[in-house]
PDB file of N, CA and C in Angstrom:
ATOM      1  N   UNK A   1      35.752 -40.182 -19.146  1.00  0.00           N
ATOM      2  CA  UNK A   1      35.826 -38.863 -18.536  1.00  0.00           C
ATOM      3  C   UNK A   1      37.087 -38.709 -17.689  1.00  0.00           C
ATOM      4  N   UNK A   2      37.518 -39.782 -17.021  1.00  0.00           N
ATOM      5  CA  UNK A   2      38.714 -39.713 -16.193  1.00  0.00           C
ATOM      6  C   UNK A   2      39.930 -39.404 -17.056  1.00  0.00           C
ATOM      7  N   UNK A   3      40.008 -40.009 -18.245  1.00  0.00           N
ATOM      8  CA  UNK A   3      41.127 -39.722 -19.132  1.00  0.00           C
ATOM      9  C   UNK A   3      41.139 -38.244 -19.514  1.00  0.00           C
ATOM     10  N   UNK A   4      39.968 -37.690 -19.751  1.00  0.00           N
ATOM     11  CA  UNK A   4      39.883 -36.272 -20.073  1.00  0.00           C
ATOM     12  C   UNK A   4      40.377 -35.405 -18.928  1.00  0.00           C
ATOM     13  N   UNK A   5      40.016 -35.768 -17.706  1.00  0.00           N
ATOM     14  CA  UNK A   5      40.439 -35.008 -16.532  1.00  0.00           C
ATOM     15  C   UNK A   5      41.950 -35.099 -16.350  1.00  0.00           C
ATOM     16  N   UNK A   6      42.499 -36.290 -16.504  1.00  0.00           N
ATOM     17  CA  UNK A   6      43.942 -36.470 -16.371  1.00  0.00           C
ATOM     18  C   UNK A   6      44.692 -35.685 -17.448  1.00  0.00           C
ATOM     19  N   UNK A   7      44.168 -35.705 -18.660  1.00  0.00           N
ATOM     20  CA  UNK A   7      44.794 -34.959 -19.754  1.00  0.00           C
ATOM     21  C   UNK A   7      44.748 -33.455 -19.457  1.00  0.00           C
ATOM     22  N   UNK A   8      43.618 -32.974 -18.973  1.00  0.00           N
ATOM     23  CA  UNK A   8      43.493 -31.559 -18.632  1.00  0.00           C
ATOM     24  C   UNK A   8      44.481 -31.180 -17.545  1.00  0.00           C
ATOM     25  N   UNK A   9      44.631 -32.014 -16.536  1.00  0.00           N
ATOM     26  CA  UNK A   9      45.592 -31.736 -15.469  1.00  0.00           C
ATOM     27  C   UNK A   9      47.006 -31.645 -16.020  1.00  0.00           C
ATOM     28  N   UNK A  10      47.357 -32.560 -16.940  1.00  0.00           N
ATOM     29  CA  UNK A  10      48.693 -32.541 -17.539  1.00  0.00           C
ATOM     30  C   UNK A  10      48.909 -31.277 -18.371  1.00  0.00           C
ATOM     31  N   UNK A  11      47.892 -30.892 -19.122  1.00  0.00           N
ATOM     32  CA  UNK A  11      48.010 -29.682 -19.939  1.00  0.00           C
ATOM     33  C   UNK A  11      48.155 -28.458 -19.052  1.00  0.00           C
ATOM     34  N   UNK A  12      47.350 -28.369 -17.999  1.00  0.00           N
ATOM     35  CA  UNK A  12      47.442 -27.223 -17.092  1.00  0.00           C
ATOM     36  C   UNK A  12      48.814 -27.182 -16.420  1.00  0.00           C
ATOM     37  N   UNK A  13      49.343 -28.330 -16.070  1.00  0.00           N
ATOM     38  CA  UNK A  13      50.683 -28.381 -15.478  1.00  0.00           C
ATOM     39  C   UNK A  13      51.726 -27.910 -16.487  1.00  0.00           C
ATOM     40  N   UNK A  14      51.526 -28.252 -17.749  1.00  0.00           N
ATOM     41  CA  UNK A  14      52.445 -27.797 -18.800  1.00  0.00           C
ATOM     42  C   UNK A  14      52.397 -26.276 -18.924  1.00  0.00           C
ATOM     43  N   UNK A  15      51.194 -25.705 -18.870  1.00  0.00           N
ATOM     44  CA  UNK A  15      51.076 -24.243 -18.887  1.00  0.00           C
ATOM     45  C   UNK A  15      51.895 -23.656 -17.743  1.00  0.00           C
ATOM     46  N   UNK A  16      51.733 -24.217 -16.562  1.00  0.00           N
ATOM     47  CA  UNK A  16      52.433 -23.693 -15.386  1.00  0.00           C
ATOM     48  C   UNK A  16      53.939 -23.820 -15.542  1.00  0.00           C
ATOM     49  N   UNK A  17      54.401 -24.939 -16.083  1.00  0.00           N
ATOM     50  CA  UNK A  17      55.826 -25.144 -16.287  1.00  0.00           C
ATOM     51  C   UNK A  17      56.383 -24.128 -17.282  1.00  0.00           C
ATOM     52  N   UNK A  18      55.698 -23.959 -18.386  1.00  0.00           N
ATOM     53  CA  UNK A  18      56.152 -23.032 -19.426  1.00  0.00           C
ATOM     54  C   UNK A  18      56.152 -21.593 -18.922  1.00  0.00           C
ATOM     55  N   UNK A  19      55.038 -21.156 -18.337  1.00  0.00           N
ATOM     56  CA  UNK A  19      54.915 -19.745 -17.966  1.00  0.00           C
ATOM     57  C   UNK A  19      55.544 -19.416 -16.623  1.00  0.00           C
ATOM     58  N   UNK A  20      56.064 -20.410 -15.911  1.00  0.00           N
ATOM     59  CA  UNK A  20      56.751 -20.137 -14.657  1.00  0.00           C
ATOM     60  C   UNK A  20      58.234 -19.871 -14.883  1.00  0.00           C
ATOM     61  N   UNK A  21      58.729 -20.205 -16.059  1.00  0.00           N
ATOM     62  CA  UNK A  21      60.136 -19.948 -16.360  1.00  0.00           C
ATOM     63  C   UNK A  21      60.326 -18.444 -16.601  1.00  0.00           C
ATOM     64  N   UNK A  22      61.541 -17.951 -16.460  1.00  0.00           N
ATOM     65  CA  UNK A  22      61.775 -16.525 -16.730  1.00  0.00           C
ATOM     66  C   UNK A  22      61.338 -16.115 -18.146  1.00  0.00           C
ATOM     67  N   UNK A  23      61.655 -16.919 -19.128  1.00  0.00           N
ATOM     68  CA  UNK A  23      61.233 -16.600 -20.499  1.00  0.00           C
ATOM     69  C   UNK A  23      59.727 -16.660 -20.641  1.00  0.00           C
ATOM     70  N   UNK A  24      59.120 -17.644 -20.006  1.00  0.00           N
ATOM     71  CA  UNK A  24      57.665 -17.775 -20.057  1.00  0.00           C
ATOM     72  C   UNK A  24      56.961 -16.582 -19.431  1.00  0.00           C
ATOM     73  N   UNK A  25      57.500 -16.094 -18.329  1.00  0.00           N
ATOM     74  CA  UNK A  25      56.929 -14.911 -17.678  1.00  0.00           C
ATOM     75  C   UNK A  25      57.044 -13.696 -18.580  1.00  0.00           C
ATOM     76  N   UNK A  26      58.187 -13.565 -19.262  1.00  0.00           N
ATOM     77  CA  UNK A  26      58.372 -12.440 -20.169  1.00  0.00           C
ATOM     78  C   UNK A  26      57.387 -12.528 -21.337  1.00  0.00           C
ATOM     79  N   UNK A  27      57.204 -13.713 -21.880  1.00  0.00           N
ATOM     80  CA  UNK A  27      56.273 -13.901 -22.992  1.00  0.00           C
ATOM     81  C   UNK A  27      54.840 -13.629 -22.540  1.00  0.00           C
ATOM     82  N   UNK A  28      54.470 -14.126 -21.373  1.00  0.00           N
ATOM     83  CA  UNK A  28      53.120 -13.884 -20.868  1.00  0.00           C
ATOM     84  C   UNK A  28      52.879 -12.389 -20.693  1.00  0.00           C
ATOM     85  N   UNK A  29      53.848 -11.681 -20.129  1.00  0.00           N
ATOM     86  CA  UNK A  29      53.701 -10.239 -19.964  1.00  0.00           C
ATOM     87  C   UNK A  29      53.520  -9.564 -21.321  1.00  0.00           C
ATOM     88  N   UNK A  30      54.307  -9.960 -22.297  1.00  0.00           N
ATOM     89  CA  UNK A  30      54.183  -9.391 -23.632  1.00  0.00           C
ATOM     90  C   UNK A  30      52.789  -9.660 -24.205  1.00  0.00           C
ATOM     91  N   UNK A  31      52.301 -10.876 -24.065  1.00  0.00           N
ATOM     92  CA  UNK A  31      50.959 -11.213 -24.562  1.00  0.00           C
ATOM     93  C   UNK A  31      49.887 -10.397 -23.847  1.00  0.00           C
ATOM     94  N   UNK A  32      50.039 -10.248 -22.534  1.00  0.00           N
ATOM     95  CA  UNK A  32      49.053  -9.495 -21.761  1.00  0.00           C
ATOM     96  C   UNK A  32      48.965  -8.055 -22.231  1.00  0.00           C
ATOM     97  N   UNK A  33      50.099  -7.433 -22.444  1.00  0.00           N
ATOM     98  CA  UNK A  33      50.076  -6.034 -22.843  1.00  0.00           C
ATOM     99  C   UNK A  33      49.748  -5.882 -24.329  1.00  0.00           C
ATOM    100  N   UNK A  34      50.248  -6.780 -25.143  1.00  0.00           N
ATOM    101  CA  UNK A  34      50.012  -6.707 -26.591  1.00  0.00           C
ATOM    102  C   UNK A  34      48.543  -6.919 -26.943  1.00  0.00           C
ATOM    103  N   UNK A  35      47.882  -7.828 -26.209  1.00  0.00           N
ATOM    104  CA  UNK A  35      46.510  -8.194 -26.559  1.00  0.00           C
ATOM    105  C   UNK A  35      45.457  -7.586 -25.648  1.00  0.00           C
ATOM    106  N   UNK A  36      45.810  -6.508 -24.958  1.00  0.00           N
ATOM    107  CA  UNK A  36      44.822  -5.640 -24.362  1.00  0.00           C
ATOM    108  C   UNK A  36      44.221  -6.006 -23.032  1.00  0.00           C
ATOM    109  N   UNK A  37      44.964  -6.654 -22.171  1.00  0.00           N
ATOM    110  CA  UNK A  37      44.418  -6.994 -20.858  1.00  0.00           C
ATOM    111  C   UNK A  37      44.116  -5.728 -20.055  1.00  0.00           C
ATOM    112  N   UNK A  38      44.912  -4.693 -20.243  1.00  0.00           N
ATOM    113  CA  UNK A  38      44.751  -3.480 -19.441  1.00  0.00           C
ATOM    114  C   UNK A  38      44.072  -2.337 -20.187  1.00  0.00           C
ATOM    115  N   UNK A  39      43.400  -2.650 -21.294  1.00  0.00           N
ATOM    116  CA  UNK A  39      42.696  -1.584 -22.014  1.00  0.00           C
ATOM    117  C   UNK A  39      41.368  -2.123 -22.545  1.00  0.00           C
ATOM    118  N   UNK A  40      40.529  -1.222 -22.972  1.00  0.00           N
ATOM    119  CA  UNK A  40      39.224  -1.579 -23.511  1.00  0.00           C
ATOM    120  C   UNK A  40      39.358  -2.232 -24.874  1.00  0.00           C
ATOM    121  N   UNK A  41      38.475  -3.176 -25.175  1.00  0.00           N
ATOM    122  CA  UNK A  41      38.433  -3.813 -26.488  1.00  0.00           C
ATOM    123  C   UNK A  41      37.599  -3.008 -27.474  1.00  0.00           C
ATOM    124  N   UNK A  42      36.856  -2.047 -26.959  1.00  0.00           N
ATOM    125  CA  UNK A  42      35.930  -1.264 -27.766  1.00  0.00           C
ATOM    126  C   UNK A  42      36.684  -0.299 -28.680  1.00  0.00           C
ATOM    127  N   UNK A  43      36.291  -0.244 -29.953  1.00  0.00           N
ATOM    128  CA  UNK A  43      36.912   0.670 -30.912  1.00  0.00           C
ATOM    129  C   UNK A  43      35.834   1.367 -31.727  1.00  0.00           C
ATOM    130  N   UNK A  44      35.060   2.205 -31.084  1.00  0.00           N
ATOM    131  CA  UNK A  44      34.020   2.958 -31.781  1.00  0.00           C
ATOM    132  C   UNK A  44      32.966   2.048 -32.386  1.00  0.00           C
ATOM    133  N   UNK A  45      32.574   2.351 -33.588  1.00  0.00           N
ATOM    134  CA  UNK A  45      31.515   1.591 -34.248  1.00  0.00           C
ATOM    135  C   UNK A  45      32.096   0.512 -35.160  1.00  0.00           C
ATOM    136  N   UNK A  46      32.920  -0.327 -34.594  1.00  0.00           N
ATOM    137  CA  UNK A  46      33.555  -1.410 -35.340  1.00  0.00           C
ATOM    138  C   UNK A  46      33.274  -2.736 -34.628  1.00  0.00           C
ATOM    139  N   UNK A  47      32.088  -3.312 -34.790  1.00  0.00           N
ATOM    140  CA  UNK A  47      31.751  -4.522 -34.044  1.00  0.00           C
ATOM    141  C   UNK A  47      32.652  -5.717 -34.356  1.00  0.00           C
ATOM    142  N   UNK A  48      33.101  -5.846 -35.581  1.00  0.00           N
ATOM    143  CA  UNK A  48      33.983  -6.968 -35.913  1.00  0.00           C
ATOM    144  C   UNK A  48      35.344  -6.818 -35.242  1.00  0.00           C
ATOM    145  N   UNK A  49      35.842  -5.592 -35.172  1.00  0.00           N
ATOM    146  CA  UNK A  49      37.110  -5.358 -34.488  1.00  0.00           C
ATOM    147  C   UNK A  49      36.968  -5.630 -32.993  1.00  0.00           C
ATOM    148  N   UNK A  50      35.839  -5.231 -32.421  1.00  0.00           N
ATOM    149  CA  UNK A  50      35.573  -5.512 -31.008  1.00  0.00           C
ATOM    150  C   UNK A  50      35.587  -7.018 -30.754  1.00  0.00           C
ATOM    151  N   UNK A  51      34.919  -7.782 -31.603  1.00  0.00           N
ATOM    152  CA  UNK A  51      34.882  -9.240 -31.445  1.00  0.00           C
ATOM    153  C   UNK A  51      36.286  -9.826 -31.566  1.00  0.00           C
ATOM    154  N   UNK A  52      37.046  -9.356 -32.521  1.00  0.00           N
ATOM    155  CA  UNK A  52      38.424  -9.815 -32.702  1.00  0.00           C
ATOM    156  C   UNK A  52      39.267  -9.500 -31.469  1.00  0.00           C
ATOM    157  N   UNK A  53      39.187  -8.263 -30.989  1.00  0.00           N
ATOM    158  CA  UNK A  53      39.951  -7.856 -29.805  1.00  0.00           C
ATOM    159  C   UNK A  53      39.571  -8.686 -28.590  1.00  0.00           C
ATOM    160  N   UNK A  54      38.290  -8.939 -28.406  1.00  0.00           N
ATOM    161  CA  UNK A  54      37.838  -9.730 -27.258  1.00  0.00           C
ATOM    162  C   UNK A  54      38.311 -11.178 -27.355  1.00  0.00           C
ATOM    163  N   UNK A  55      38.397 -11.700 -28.557  1.00  0.00           N
ATOM    164  CA  UNK A  55      38.918 -13.058 -28.742  1.00  0.00           C
ATOM    165  C   UNK A  55      40.372 -13.161 -28.314  1.00  0.00           C
ATOM    166  N   UNK A  56      41.169 -12.185 -28.713  1.00  0.00           N
ATOM    167  CA  UNK A  56      42.579 -12.175 -28.301  1.00  0.00           C
ATOM    168  C   UNK A  56      42.688 -12.042 -26.790  1.00  0.00           C
ATOM    169  N   UNK A  57      41.907 -11.147 -26.242  1.00  0.00           N
ATOM    170  CA  UNK A  57      41.915 -10.882 -24.797  1.00  0.00           C
ATOM    171  C   UNK A  57      41.483 -12.114 -24.006  1.00  0.00           C
ATOM    172  N   UNK A  58      40.465 -12.805 -24.509  1.00  0.00           N
ATOM    173  CA  UNK A  58      39.945 -13.998 -23.827  1.00  0.00           C
ATOM    174  C   UNK A  58      41.001 -15.104 -23.737  1.00  0.00           C
ATOM    175  N   UNK A  59      41.848 -15.200 -24.744  1.00  0.00           N
ATOM    176  CA  UNK A  59      42.910 -16.203 -24.723  1.00  0.00           C
ATOM    177  C   UNK A  59      43.857 -15.964 -23.557  1.00  0.00           C
ATOM    178  N   UNK A  60      44.248 -14.709 -23.362  1.00  0.00           N
ATOM    179  CA  UNK A  60      45.163 -14.377 -22.271  1.00  0.00           C
ATOM    180  C   UNK A  60      44.472 -14.545 -20.923  1.00  0.00           C
ATOM    181  N   UNK A  61      43.205 -14.184 -20.843  1.00  0.00           N
ATOM    182  CA  UNK A  61      42.461 -14.389 -19.592  1.00  0.00           C
ATOM    183  C   UNK A  61      42.381 -15.871 -19.242  1.00  0.00           C
ATOM    184  N   UNK A  62      42.242 -16.725 -20.259  1.00  0.00           N
ATOM    185  CA  UNK A  62      42.231 -18.172 -20.008  1.00  0.00           C
ATOM    186  C   UNK A  62      43.574 -18.621 -19.418  1.00  0.00           C
ATOM    187  N   UNK A  63      44.674 -18.168 -20.014  1.00  0.00           N
ATOM    188  CA  UNK A  63      45.996 -18.542 -19.497  1.00  0.00           C
ATOM    189  C   UNK A  63      46.147 -18.062 -18.061  1.00  0.00           C
ATOM    190  N   UNK A  64      45.727 -16.830 -17.790  1.00  0.00           N
ATOM    191  CA  UNK A  64      45.800 -16.305 -16.421  1.00  0.00           C
ATOM    192  C   UNK A  64      44.978 -17.156 -15.459  1.00  0.00           C
ATOM    193  N   UNK A  65      43.823 -17.619 -15.911  1.00  0.00           N
ATOM    194  CA  UNK A  65      42.970 -18.457 -15.068  1.00  0.00           C
ATOM    195  C   UNK A  65      43.662 -19.784 -14.766  1.00  0.00           C
ATOM    196  N   UNK A  66      44.260 -20.387 -15.768  1.00  0.00           N
ATOM    197  CA  UNK A  66      44.973 -21.659 -15.568  1.00  0.00           C
ATOM    198  C   UNK A  66      46.111 -21.469 -14.568  1.00  0.00           C
ATOM    199  N   UNK A  67      46.822 -20.357 -14.698  1.00  0.00           N
ATOM    200  CA  UNK A  67      47.975 -20.088 -13.833  1.00  0.00           C
ATOM    201  C   UNK A  67      47.583 -19.539 -12.468  1.00  0.00           C
ATOM    202  N   UNK A  68      46.278 -19.240 -12.284  1.00  0.00           N
ATOM    203  CA  UNK A  68      45.792 -18.609 -11.052  1.00  0.00           C
ATOM    204  C   UNK A  68      46.524 -17.280 -10.813  1.00  0.00           C
ATOM    205  N   UNK A  69      46.693 -16.541 -11.885  1.00  0.00           N
ATOM    206  CA  UNK A  69      47.384 -15.261 -11.885  1.00  0.00           C
ATOM    207  C   UNK A  69      46.515 -14.229 -11.184  1.00  0.00           C
ATOM    208  N   UNK A  70      47.116 -13.390 -10.357  1.00  0.00           N
ATOM    209  CA  UNK A  70      46.347 -12.355  -9.662  1.00  0.00           C
ATOM    210  C   UNK A  70      47.004 -10.989  -9.833  1.00  0.00           C
ATOM    211  N   UNK A  71      46.403  -9.977  -9.292  1.00  0.00           N
ATOM    212  CA  UNK A  71      46.898  -8.616  -9.493  1.00  0.00           C
ATOM    213  C   UNK A  71      48.298  -8.395  -8.940  1.00  0.00           C
ATOM    214  N   UNK A  72      48.637  -9.053  -7.844  1.00  0.00           N
ATOM    215  CA  UNK A  72      49.993  -8.865  -7.319  1.00  0.00           C
ATOM    216  C   UNK A  72      51.025  -9.445  -8.289  1.00  0.00           C
ATOM    217  N   UNK A  73      50.666 -10.530  -8.987  1.00  0.00           N
ATOM    218  CA  UNK A  73      51.563 -11.076 -10.006  1.00  0.00           C
ATOM    219  C   UNK A  73      51.734 -10.078 -11.149  1.00  0.00           C
ATOM    220  N   UNK A  74      50.638  -9.418 -11.513  1.00  0.00           N
ATOM    221  CA  UNK A  74      50.687  -8.414 -12.566  1.00  0.00           C
ATOM    222  C   UNK A  74      51.591  -7.262 -12.160  1.00  0.00           C
ATOM    223  N   UNK A  75      51.473  -6.809 -10.915  1.00  0.00           N
ATOM    224  CA  UNK A  75      52.316  -5.719 -10.412  1.00  0.00           C
ATOM    225  C   UNK A  75      53.794  -6.091 -10.481  1.00  0.00           C
ATOM    226  N   UNK A  76      54.114  -7.327 -10.093  1.00  0.00           N
ATOM    227  CA  UNK A  76      55.506  -7.783 -10.146  1.00  0.00           C
ATOM    228  C   UNK A  76      56.018  -7.773 -11.578  1.00  0.00           C
ATOM    229  N   UNK A  77      55.206  -8.272 -12.492  1.00  0.00           N
ATOM    230  CA  UNK A  77      55.615  -8.333 -13.903  1.00  0.00           C
ATOM    231  C   UNK A  77      55.785  -6.929 -14.472  1.00  0.00           C
ATOM    232  N   UNK A  78      54.887  -6.029 -14.104  1.00  0.00           N
ATOM    233  CA  UNK A  78      54.990  -4.660 -14.606  1.00  0.00           C
ATOM    234  C   UNK A  78      56.287  -4.011 -14.140  1.00  0.00           C
ATOM    235  N   UNK A  79      56.668  -4.239 -12.884  1.00  0.00           N
ATOM    236  CA  UNK A  79      57.913  -3.682 -12.369  1.00  0.00           C
ATOM    237  C   UNK A  79      59.131  -4.281 -13.073  1.00  0.00           C
ATOM    238  N   UNK A  80      59.046  -5.576 -13.383  1.00  0.00           N
ATOM    239  CA  UNK A  80      60.178  -6.234 -14.010  1.00  0.00           C
ATOM    240  C   UNK A  80      60.292  -5.936 -15.511  1.00  0.00           C
ATOM    241  N   UNK A  81      59.176  -5.944 -16.206  1.00  0.00           N
ATOM    242  CA  UNK A  81      59.214  -5.834 -17.673  1.00  0.00           C
ATOM    243  C   UNK A  81      58.727  -4.486 -18.195  1.00  0.00           C
ATOM    244  N   UNK A  82      58.071  -3.699 -17.348  1.00  0.00           N
ATOM    245  CA  UNK A  82      57.552  -2.411 -17.776  1.00  0.00           C
ATOM    246  C   UNK A  82      56.287  -2.581 -18.607  1.00  0.00           C
ATOM    247  N   UNK A  83      55.512  -1.523 -18.667  1.00  0.00           N
ATOM    248  CA  UNK A  83      54.256  -1.571 -19.417  1.00  0.00           C
ATOM    249  C   UNK A  83      54.476  -1.042 -20.817  1.00  0.00           C
ATOM    250  N   UNK A  84      53.970  -1.751 -21.766  1.00  0.00           N
ATOM    251  CA  UNK A  84      53.970  -1.244 -23.144  1.00  0.00           C
ATOM    252  C   UNK A  84      52.617  -1.528 -23.737  1.00  0.00           C
ATOM    253  N   UNK A  85      52.262  -0.804 -24.757  1.00  0.00           N
ATOM    254  CA  UNK A  85      50.941  -0.935 -25.366  1.00  0.00           C
ATOM    255  C   UNK A  85      51.051  -0.896 -26.871  1.00  0.00           C
TER     256      UNK A  85
END
């Protein structure tokens, strides 16, 4: 179990290293806006599309959780990169 914990710490640190760079921040912002962090996943009576959209969204939420990303970080990114959908 300790090896698993150490590996997880290394992976999380890698996420932070990658997404803390200017390019990483730009890519994260693109992923956030492209995969629906700021919009609903619901698309009428299309349950499979909803599941697909939520899967994409969940991936970005996981990255945000690893990075301890908060709303003020989102505001900064929006000012720097602008919002697109």
